[in-house]
Amino acid sequence: MDKKSTYSISELATEFDITTRSIRFYEDQGLLSPRRRGQTRIYSRQDRVRLKLILRGKRLGFSLAETRELFDLWDETLSGSEKQLTLLRDKILERKAALEQQLNDIAMVRLELESAETRCTDALKELASKKNKKRTWTEQLQTGISYH
């Protein structure tokens, strides 16, 4: 467990493998609120945890607006925890349903592609067969074999 209580923007960027510009963007969006010492941003443990949650939410497909909504519930009151968990569960269920639909769509497109590939392969075989027949007939004409 990290024992530090404050972090610079470059430390967080390095730790989470993101740009300092991304961190400033999350700050502009109201998701992070570092203290300032002159021009220097000083991020707290809470800011670090929030950044970690922002990035995790992003990986799971949550929008920044959804992440902000969860943060706002948490900050609102101590009872925000129950509301937050309920909202998070609902968002997870929505995301799972959307992913399931995408998987179904992908499976359908894959079947269509396989069918198109089979039709193309069959058409190519047919063309090759016709070419071979034509070549054989032409070769027979050139060698003087006649058909009666």
Protein backbone atom coordinates (compact mmCIF):
# COMPACT_ATOMS: atom_id res chain seq x y z
CA MET A 1 0.00 0.00 0.00
CA ASP A 2 1.28 3.43 -0.93
CA LYS A 3 2.13 5.46 2.17
CA LYS A 4 2.46 8.82 0.40
CA SER A 5 -0.12 11.46 1.19
CA THR A 6 0.45 13.78 -1.79
CA TYR A 7 1.43 13.33 -5.42
CA SER A 8 2.57 15.52 -8.27
CA ILE A 9 0.84 15.40 -11.63
CA SER A 10 3.88 13.73 -13.20
CA GLU A 11 3.96 11.04 -10.49
CA LEU A 12 0.33 10.15 -11.16
CA ALA A 13 0.84 10.26 -14.93
CA THR A 14 3.77 7.87 -14.62
CA GLU A 15 2.00 5.56 -12.17
CA PHE A 16 -1.12 5.22 -14.32
CA ASP A 17 0.66 5.45 -17.70
CA ILE A 18 -1.38 8.42 -18.91
CA THR A 19 -0.47 11.93 -19.96
CA THR A 20 -0.47 14.94 -17.66
CA ARG A 21 -2.86 16.47 -20.18
CA SER A 22 -5.36 13.67 -19.44
CA ILE A 23 -5.13 14.38 -15.73
CA ARG A 24 -5.69 18.10 -16.32
CA PHE A 25 -8.69 17.19 -18.52
CA TYR A 26 -10.22 15.14 -15.67
CA GLU A 27 -9.61 18.13 -13.41
CA ASP A 28 -11.33 20.46 -15.91
CA GLN A 29 -14.28 18.05 -15.94
CA GLY A 30 -14.58 18.40 -12.15
CA LEU A 31 -13.54 14.81 -11.43
CA LEU A 32 -10.30 15.74 -9.63
CA SER A 33 -9.70 18.67 -7.29
CA PRO A 34 -6.02 19.05 -6.45
CA ARG A 35 -4.79 21.70 -4.08
CA ARG A 36 -2.46 24.29 -5.48
CA ARG A 37 0.81 25.65 -4.31
CA GLY A 38 1.40 28.51 -6.73
CA GLN A 39 1.20 26.90 -10.18
CA THR A 40 1.92 23.42 -8.82
CA ARG A 41 -0.92 20.94 -8.46
CA ILE A 42 -0.81 18.79 -5.34
CA TYR A 43 -2.93 15.66 -5.56
CA SER A 44 -4.20 13.90 -2.43
CA ARG A 45 -4.71 10.19 -1.80
CA GLN A 46 -8.39 10.77 -2.57
CA ASP A 47 -7.46 12.31 -5.95
CA ARG A 48 -5.26 9.27 -6.66
CA VAL A 49 -8.12 6.89 -5.80
CA ARG A 50 -10.51 8.92 -7.95
CA LEU A 51 -8.09 8.82 -10.86
CA LYS A 52 -7.82 5.07 -10.47
CA LEU A 53 -11.64 4.79 -10.47
CA ILE A 54 -11.93 7.10 -13.51
CA LEU A 55 -9.54 4.89 -15.47
CA ARG A 56 -11.22 1.68 -14.30
CA GLY A 57 -14.63 3.07 -15.27
CA LYS A 58 -13.26 4.06 -18.66
CA ARG A 59 -11.98 0.51 -19.22
CA LEU A 60 -15.43 -0.82 -18.30
CA GLY A 61 -17.09 1.52 -20.77
CA PHE A 62 -18.49 4.13 -18.37
CA SER A 63 -18.68 7.71 -19.59
CA LEU A 64 -17.11 10.52 -17.61
CA ALA A 65 -20.63 11.79 -16.89
CA GLU A 66 -21.53 8.44 -15.32
CA THR A 67 -18.33 8.48 -13.27
CA ARG A 68 -19.07 12.03 -12.13
CA GLU A 69 -22.59 10.95 -11.12
CA LEU A 70 -21.12 8.19 -8.96
CA PHE A 71 -18.61 10.58 -7.39
CA ASP A 72 -21.35 13.14 -6.70
CA LEU A 73 -23.44 10.52 -4.91
CA TRP A 74 -20.47 9.49 -2.82
CA ASP A 75 -19.65 13.10 -1.90
CA GLU A 76 -23.29 13.97 -1.18
CA THR A 77 -23.74 12.14 2.13
CA LEU A 78 -22.73 9.08 4.04
CA SER A 79 -25.84 7.40 2.63
CA GLY A 80 -24.37 8.04 -0.81
CA SER A 81 -22.72 4.68 -0.45
CA GLU A 82 -26.01 2.76 -0.82
CA LYS A 83 -27.22 5.01 -3.63
CA GLN A 84 -23.84 4.80 -5.29
CA LEU A 85 -23.74 1.02 -5.13
CA THR A 86 -27.29 0.75 -6.49
CA LEU A 87 -26.48 3.12 -9.33
CA LEU A 88 -23.21 1.36 -10.06
CA ARG A 89 -24.93 -2.03 -10.12
CA ASP A 90 -27.57 -0.65 -12.51
CA LYS A 91 -24.89 0.81 -14.78
CA ILE A 92 -23.01 -2.49 -14.74
CA LEU A 93 -26.18 -4.36 -15.73
CA GLU A 94 -26.80 -1.86 -18.54
CA ARG A 95 -23.20 -2.22 -19.76
CA LYS A 96 -23.42 -6.03 -19.64
CA ALA A 97 -26.65 -5.93 -21.66
CA ALA A 98 -25.02 -3.63 -24.22
CA LEU A 99 -21.99 -5.92 -24.46
CA GLU A 100 -24.24 -8.95 -24.86
CA GLN A 101 -26.03 -7.21 -27.73
CA GLN A 102 -22.67 -6.36 -29.31
CA LEU A 103 -21.59 -9.99 -29.02
CA ASN A 104 -24.82 -11.09 -30.71
CA ASP A 105 -24.31 -8.49 -33.45
CA ILE A 106 -20.71 -9.64 -33.95
CA ALA A 107 -21.82 -13.28 -34.19
CA MET A 108 -24.43 -12.35 -36.80
CA VAL A 109 -21.93 -10.34 -38.87
CA ARG A 110 -19.45 -13.21 -38.63
CA LEU A 111 -22.04 -15.64 -40.00
CA GLU A 112 -22.82 -13.25 -42.85
CA LEU A 113 -19.10 -12.89 -43.62
CA GLU A 114 -18.58 -16.65 -43.58
CA SER A 115 -21.52 -17.08 -45.95
CA ALA A 116 -20.17 -14.40 -48.29
CA GLU A 117 -16.72 -16.00 -48.15
CA THR A 118 -18.20 -19.41 -49.08
CA ARG A 119 -20.10 -17.88 -52.01
CA CYS A 120 -16.91 -16.16 -53.24
CA THR A 121 -14.87 -19.36 -52.89
CA ASP A 122 -17.51 -21.34 -54.80
CA ALA A 123 -17.65 -18.67 -57.53
CA LEU A 124 -13.85 -18.72 -57.84
CA LYS A 125 -13.87 -22.51 -58.14
CA GLU A 126 -16.55 -22.28 -60.83
CA LEU A 127 -14.50 -19.71 -62.75
CA ALA A 128 -11.36 -21.83 -62.44
CA SER A 129 -13.28 -24.86 -63.69
CA LYS A 130 -14.59 -22.93 -66.72
CA LYS A 131 -11.08 -21.64 -67.43
CA ASN A 132 -9.69 -25.16 -67.30
CA LYS A 133 -12.39 -26.45 -69.67
CA LYS A 134 -11.72 -23.57 -72.07
CA ARG A 135 -7.96 -24.15 -71.85
CA THR A 136 -8.42 -27.87 -72.50
CA TRP A 137 -10.63 -27.17 -75.52
CA THR A 138 -8.14 -24.58 -76.85
CA GLU A 139 -5.23 -26.98 -76.34
CA GLN A 140 -7.12 -29.69 -78.18
CA LEU A 141 -7.76 -27.34 -81.10
CA GLN A 142 -4.09 -26.41 -81.22
CA THR A 143 -2.97 -30.03 -81.24
CA GLY A 144 -5.37 -30.88 -84.03
CA ILE A 145 -7.85 -33.00 -82.11
CA SER A 146 -11.27 -32.52 -83.54
CA TYR A 147 -14.68 -33.23 -82.12
CA HIS A 148 -17.15 -35.21 -84.21
